[in-house]
Protein backbone atom coordinates (compact mmCIF):
# COMPACT_ATOMS: atom_id res chain seq x y z
CA MET A 1 -0.31 20.67 61.86
CA LEU A 2 -0.71 24.07 63.48
CA LEU A 3 -1.73 24.47 67.13
CA ASP A 4 -2.47 27.82 68.72
CA ASP A 5 -5.11 28.72 71.29
CA SER A 6 -5.69 32.05 69.49
CA GLU A 7 -8.30 31.79 66.75
CA ILE A 8 -7.04 35.12 65.37
CA THR A 9 -3.52 33.73 64.99
CA LEU A 10 -4.89 30.68 63.21
CA GLN A 11 -6.98 32.89 60.91
CA VAL A 12 -3.81 34.74 59.91
CA LEU A 13 -1.38 31.83 59.66
CA GLU A 14 -3.50 29.12 58.06
CA PRO A 15 -4.38 30.94 54.81
CA HIS A 16 -0.86 32.31 54.47
CA LEU A 17 0.77 28.91 54.87
CA THR A 18 -1.78 27.35 52.53
CA ALA A 19 -1.09 30.04 49.92
CA VAL A 20 2.64 29.23 49.94
CA GLY A 21 2.05 25.52 49.42
CA PHE A 22 1.53 23.86 52.78
CA GLU A 23 -1.40 21.62 53.59
CA VAL A 24 -2.46 22.99 56.97
CA HIS A 25 -4.55 21.38 59.65
CA ALA A 26 -5.12 24.19 62.17
CA LEU A 27 -6.40 23.53 65.68
CA SER A 28 -7.06 25.76 68.68
CA SER A 29 -7.76 23.00 71.18
CA LEU A 30 -5.05 20.96 72.84
CA ARG A 31 -7.50 18.12 73.40
CA GLN A 32 -8.43 18.09 69.72
CA PHE A 33 -4.73 18.20 68.77
CA VAL A 34 -3.87 15.21 70.96
CA ASN A 35 -6.82 13.27 69.51
CA GLU A 36 -5.92 14.08 65.90
CA VAL A 37 -2.11 14.15 65.80
CA MET A 38 -1.78 10.37 65.80
CA ASP A 39 -4.42 9.92 63.08
CA TRP A 40 -3.30 12.73 60.76
CA LYS A 41 0.44 11.98 61.11
CA PRO A 42 1.70 15.47 60.20
CA HIS A 43 5.04 16.05 58.50
CA LEU A 44 5.61 19.16 60.64
CA ILE A 45 4.10 20.52 63.83
CA VAL A 46 3.93 24.21 64.71
CA THR A 47 2.84 25.04 68.22
CA ASP A 48 2.35 28.14 70.29
CA LEU A 49 4.32 28.28 73.52
CA TYR A 50 1.82 29.74 75.96
CA MET A 51 -1.45 27.80 75.99
CA PRO A 52 -3.89 26.78 78.71
CA GLY A 53 -3.64 23.20 79.94
CA MET A 54 -0.21 22.42 78.54
CA SER A 55 2.50 24.72 77.26
CA GLY A 56 4.08 24.25 73.86
CA ALA A 57 7.26 23.17 75.67
CA GLU A 58 5.38 20.47 77.59
CA LEU A 59 3.63 19.43 74.39
CA CYS A 60 6.96 19.13 72.61
CA SER A 61 8.33 16.92 75.38
CA TRP A 62 5.20 14.76 75.20
CA LEU A 63 5.45 14.49 71.40
CA ARG A 64 9.11 13.45 71.64
CA ALA A 65 8.12 10.66 74.05
CA GLN A 66 5.54 9.19 71.62
CA ILE A 67 6.77 6.64 69.09
CA GLN A 68 4.58 8.09 66.32
CA THR A 69 5.82 11.68 66.72
CA ALA A 70 9.28 11.30 68.24
CA LYS A 71 11.00 12.40 65.03
CA THR A 72 8.36 14.76 63.67
CA PRO A 73 9.88 18.24 63.24
CA ILE A 74 8.45 20.76 65.70
CA ILE A 75 8.64 24.55 65.47
CA ILE A 76 7.59 26.73 68.38
CA CYS A 77 5.92 29.94 67.22
CA SER A 78 5.58 32.47 70.01
CA SER A 79 5.85 36.11 70.95
CA ALA A 80 8.26 35.18 73.77
CA ALA A 81 11.72 36.74 73.79
CA PRO A 82 14.16 35.06 71.36
CA LYS A 83 16.59 34.11 74.15
CA GLU A 84 13.80 32.36 76.03
CA LEU A 85 12.71 30.57 72.86
CA GLU A 86 16.28 29.43 72.13
CA ARG A 87 16.56 28.00 75.64
CA ILE A 88 13.21 26.21 75.44
CA VAL A 89 13.95 24.75 72.01
CA ARG A 90 17.20 23.28 73.33
CA GLU A 91 15.56 21.93 76.50
CA VAL A 92 12.61 20.19 74.86
CA GLY A 93 14.15 19.05 71.59
CA ALA A 94 12.16 21.24 69.23
CA ASP A 95 13.65 21.85 65.80
CA GLY A 96 13.46 25.62 65.95
CA PHE A 97 11.38 28.64 66.70
CA VAL A 98 9.88 31.68 65.02
CA SER A 99 8.80 34.86 66.72
CA LYS A 100 5.19 35.80 66.04
CA ASP A 101 6.46 39.38 65.85
CA GLU A 102 8.23 38.46 62.58
CA GLY A 103 4.92 37.69 60.87
CA PRO A 104 3.58 34.78 58.84
CA GLU A 105 6.24 35.21 56.14
CA ALA A 106 8.99 34.33 58.62
CA LEU A 107 7.13 31.20 59.71
CA ALA A 108 6.60 30.13 56.10
CA GLN A 109 10.29 30.68 55.34
CA ARG A 110 11.40 28.72 58.42
CA LEU A 111 9.11 25.84 57.45
CA HIS A 112 10.44 25.84 53.88
CA ASP A 113 14.01 25.86 55.24
CA LEU A 114 13.18 22.97 57.55
CA CYS A 115 11.64 21.00 54.69
CA GLU A 116 14.82 21.47 52.67
CA GLU A 117 16.93 20.30 55.61
CA ILE A 118 14.78 17.18 55.93
CA VAL A 119 14.92 16.37 52.22
CA TRP A 120 18.68 16.89 51.92
């Protein structure tokens, strides 16, 4: 499940991730995400950090507090500075981060790496 308030980002990431083998459910609305995350039960969640209404960090904390998503791997994908992302990931219990500046290939690679960690 991919959440980003930027439609442009979703238009770039969704087809790329789909092309490399992921089934992607992309959403730009936090409300829609909250309504659908419990029904769709994603294997992975990728969220932007800076969004209106609730930040990706707050969302991660909320997801960790829900029984259904407490153990779902979460990656924060943002253009924030890497040191800030490292700190936030540690604070909220996310499983990692990817800088948007690295491009969709870096996100796909991080997700593949995470899937291998989960399987092994």
